[in-house]
Amino acid sequence: MNRISLDTNSSIDWLNSGKILVHPTESIWGLGCDAFNMQAVNKIFKLKKRSKKKNFILLASSIDHVGKKLCYLSKSDKEYLSKYWPGPYTFLIKYKEEIPHHLKNNTNKLAVRVSNHLPIKSLFKRFNGFIVSTSANISGHSNINDAKNIIDFFEYDDLAYYDESLGENKSASKIIDLESKAIIRA
């Protein structure tokens, strides 16, 4: 299997071309793609053998970008989010009706995170969209903790890894419902 290692600029080009990127997060390796590219999102569902009823987390560059393109955010929502973002917190937020159909679900909310992890922040300096971010595994199985092993495991031609370091967090991001403030995943 050809293991393709990418720098930041090549990773951005890879995402823009509709391919799947193995990427580091604050805590684990993830599978990512351009969230607005339905074919790329469907590739991740297929690779993970994941039900389409279970959505993915979307990475965003900023609170403002989330509010402009994805979700309804009041002034008080933005103030609340600014206490946590950028950081290792994912929020469930009511989405705007005009988002792509393939991102919609029966909860009317998206799981969104503005990361403070330098490699992710570097991607968003030139990538203007949103990135699907999901654990690098088959749904329901343990995470794979080495980017090269992920490439070998999935054996998929349009898969490369962003050659950067994982963050130092020991667990996946906390998930909080913005509306109710309920903690969904601690």
Protein backbone atom coordinates (compact mmCIF):
# COMPACT_ATOMS: atom_id res chain seq x y z
CA MET A 1 0.00 0.00 0.00
CA ASN A 2 1.30 3.42 -0.94
CA ARG A 3 1.47 5.62 2.18
CA ILE A 4 1.12 9.22 1.10
CA SER A 5 2.44 11.73 3.63
CA LEU A 6 1.33 15.33 3.13
CA ASP A 7 2.40 18.71 4.45
CA THR A 8 -0.13 21.45 5.23
CA ASN A 9 -0.48 22.85 1.70
CA SER A 10 -0.70 19.39 0.11
CA SER A 11 -3.31 18.39 2.72
CA ILE A 12 -5.44 21.39 1.78
CA ASP A 13 -5.18 20.49 -1.92
CA TRP A 14 -6.06 16.88 -1.04
CA LEU A 15 -9.21 18.00 0.82
CA ASN A 16 -10.19 20.35 -2.00
CA SER A 17 -9.93 17.46 -4.48
CA GLY A 18 -12.55 15.42 -2.58
CA LYS A 19 -10.16 12.91 -1.03
CA ILE A 20 -9.98 11.53 2.51
CA LEU A 21 -7.33 12.89 4.88
CA VAL A 22 -6.07 11.09 7.97
CA HIS A 23 -5.45 14.00 10.32
CA PRO A 24 -4.32 14.61 13.89
CA THR A 25 -6.69 16.16 16.40
CA GLU A 26 -6.20 17.25 20.00
CA SER A 27 -6.38 13.59 21.09
CA ILE A 28 -6.82 10.99 18.32
CA TRP A 29 -6.24 10.43 14.62
CA GLY A 30 -9.27 11.24 12.52
CA LEU A 31 -10.61 10.65 9.04
CA GLY A 32 -11.55 13.92 7.39
CA CYS A 33 -12.87 15.41 4.18
CA ASP A 34 -14.53 18.52 2.81
CA ALA A 35 -17.87 18.44 4.65
CA PHE A 36 -19.72 20.07 1.75
CA ASN A 37 -18.51 17.41 -0.72
CA MET A 38 -21.24 14.75 -0.54
CA GLN A 39 -19.19 12.12 -2.40
CA ALA A 40 -16.27 12.54 0.01
CA VAL A 41 -18.57 12.35 3.05
CA ASN A 42 -20.15 9.18 1.62
CA LYS A 43 -16.66 7.66 1.20
CA ILE A 44 -16.06 8.11 4.93
CA PHE A 45 -19.40 6.49 5.79
CA LYS A 46 -18.39 3.55 3.59
CA LEU A 47 -14.83 3.28 4.98
CA LYS A 48 -16.09 3.30 8.57
CA LYS A 49 -19.05 1.01 7.80
CA ARG A 50 -21.11 3.60 9.66
CA SER A 51 -24.86 4.13 9.58
CA LYS A 52 -25.87 7.33 7.83
CA LYS A 53 -28.18 7.97 10.78
CA LYS A 54 -25.09 8.77 12.87
CA ASN A 55 -23.54 12.10 11.93
CA PHE A 56 -19.96 13.30 11.98
CA ILE A 57 -18.30 16.17 13.82
CA LEU A 58 -17.46 19.15 11.62
CA LEU A 59 -14.33 21.20 12.22
CA ALA A 60 -14.62 24.93 11.56
CA SER A 61 -12.15 27.80 11.43
CA SER A 62 -14.01 30.18 13.78
CA ILE A 63 -17.23 30.97 15.59
CA ASP A 64 -17.99 33.61 12.94
CA HIS A 65 -17.58 31.08 10.12
CA VAL A 66 -19.97 28.68 11.89
CA GLY A 67 -22.52 31.49 12.30
CA LYS A 68 -22.27 32.67 8.70
CA LYS A 69 -22.43 29.32 6.93
CA LEU A 70 -23.76 26.54 9.17
CA CYS A 71 -25.69 27.36 12.30
CA TYR A 72 -27.95 29.87 13.93
CA LEU A 73 -25.94 31.72 16.58
CA SER A 74 -27.30 34.52 18.72
CA LYS A 75 -25.03 37.07 20.34
CA SER A 76 -25.31 35.19 23.65
CA ASP A 77 -24.50 31.88 21.85
CA LYS A 78 -21.34 33.44 20.44
CA GLU A 79 -20.37 34.78 23.86
CA TYR A 80 -20.92 31.35 25.42
CA LEU A 81 -18.99 29.53 22.68
CA SER A 82 -16.09 31.97 22.97
CA LYS A 83 -15.47 30.59 26.49
CA TYR A 84 -14.76 27.16 24.97
CA TRP A 85 -13.55 27.81 21.43
CA PRO A 86 -11.04 27.39 20.10
CA GLY A 87 -10.60 24.25 22.14
CA PRO A 88 -11.42 20.56 22.56
CA TYR A 89 -15.18 21.06 22.84
CA THR A 90 -17.79 19.96 20.33
CA PHE A 91 -21.19 21.62 20.42
CA LEU A 92 -24.49 20.42 19.01
CA ILE A 93 -25.97 23.48 17.32
CA LYS A 94 -29.19 24.02 15.36
CA TYR A 95 -28.25 24.25 11.69
CA LYS A 96 -29.47 26.60 9.00
CA GLU A 97 -31.88 25.20 6.44
CA GLU A 98 -29.60 26.16 3.54
CA ILE A 99 -26.78 23.76 4.51
CA PRO A 100 -26.19 20.88 2.08
CA HIS A 101 -28.86 18.19 2.34
CA HIS A 102 -26.38 15.41 3.12
CA LEU A 103 -25.46 17.15 6.41
CA LYS A 104 -29.04 17.35 7.66
CA ASN A 105 -30.42 14.91 10.23
CA ASN A 106 -33.44 14.25 12.42
CA THR A 107 -32.06 16.31 15.32
CA ASN A 108 -31.75 19.53 13.25
CA LYS A 109 -28.35 20.01 14.89
CA LEU A 110 -24.74 19.65 13.78
CA ALA A 111 -21.81 18.63 15.95
CA VAL A 112 -19.24 21.41 15.44
CA ARG A 113 -15.80 22.15 16.89
CA VAL A 114 -13.37 25.04 16.47
CA SER A 115 -10.07 23.38 17.29
CA ASN A 116 -7.09 25.01 18.94
CA HIS A 117 -4.76 22.25 17.66
CA LEU A 118 -2.07 23.97 15.57
CA PRO A 119 -2.14 21.49 12.62
CA ILE A 120 -5.91 21.95 12.27
CA LYS A 121 -5.62 25.74 12.60
CA SER A 122 -2.95 25.64 9.88
CA LEU A 123 -5.32 23.85 7.49
CA PHE A 124 -7.92 26.57 7.96
CA LYS A 125 -5.50 29.31 6.92
CA ARG A 126 -6.21 28.26 3.32
CA PHE A 127 -9.11 25.79 3.47
CA ASN A 128 -12.28 27.89 3.50
CA GLY A 129 -14.82 25.17 4.19
CA PHE A 130 -15.63 22.76 6.98
CA ILE A 131 -13.91 19.45 7.60
CA VAL A 132 -15.64 16.24 8.61
CA SER A 133 -13.69 14.78 11.51
CA THR A 134 -14.39 11.29 12.80
CA SER A 135 -12.31 8.72 14.61
CA ALA A 136 -10.09 6.56 12.41
CA ASN A 137 -11.72 3.19 12.93
CA ILE A 138 -14.57 0.98 11.87
CA SER A 139 -17.68 2.20 13.70
CA GLY A 140 -17.91 0.60 17.12
CA HIS A 141 -14.28 -0.59 17.13
CA SER A 142 -11.17 0.80 18.81
CA ASN A 143 -9.37 3.79 17.34
CA ILE A 144 -6.23 3.19 15.35
CA ASN A 145 -3.49 5.29 16.91
CA ASP A 146 -0.86 5.47 14.16
CA ALA A 147 -1.42 7.32 10.86
CA LYS A 148 0.57 4.79 8.80
CA ASN A 149 -1.41 1.90 10.30
CA ILE A 150 -4.64 3.71 9.39
CA ILE A 151 -3.54 3.93 5.77
CA ASP A 152 -2.69 0.22 5.74
CA PHE A 153 -5.90 -0.76 7.55
CA PHE A 154 -8.31 0.98 5.19
CA GLU A 155 -6.44 0.12 1.95
CA TYR A 156 -8.06 2.94 0.01
CA ASP A 157 -6.30 4.75 -2.85
CA ASP A 158 -7.59 8.26 -2.12
CA LEU A 159 -6.39 8.24 1.48
CA ALA A 160 -3.32 10.15 2.70
CA TYR A 161 -2.13 11.39 6.05
CA TYR A 162 -1.35 14.88 7.23
CA ASP A 163 2.12 14.45 8.65
CA GLU A 164 1.76 16.39 11.89
CA SER A 165 1.55 15.53 15.58
CA LEU A 166 -1.39 14.60 17.75
CA GLY A 167 -2.35 16.90 20.57
CA GLU A 168 -1.76 15.90 24.16
CA ASN A 169 -5.37 15.40 25.27
CA LYS A 170 -6.07 11.89 26.56
CA SER A 171 -9.72 11.67 25.49
CA ALA A 172 -11.93 12.75 22.61
CA SER A 173 -13.63 16.15 22.74
CA LYS A 174 -16.41 16.80 25.21
CA ILE A 175 -19.78 17.16 23.43
CA ILE A 176 -22.27 19.72 24.74
CA ASP A 177 -25.72 20.64 23.45
CA LEU A 178 -25.58 24.42 22.99
CA GLU A 179 -29.32 24.88 23.54
CA SER A 180 -29.75 22.84 26.74
CA LYS A 181 -26.09 22.97 27.91
CA ALA A 182 -26.41 19.21 28.57
CA ILE A 183 -23.19 17.23 28.36
CA ILE A 184 -23.67 14.51 25.76
CA ARG A 185 -20.15 13.03 26.02
CA ALA A 186 -17.86 13.86 28.93
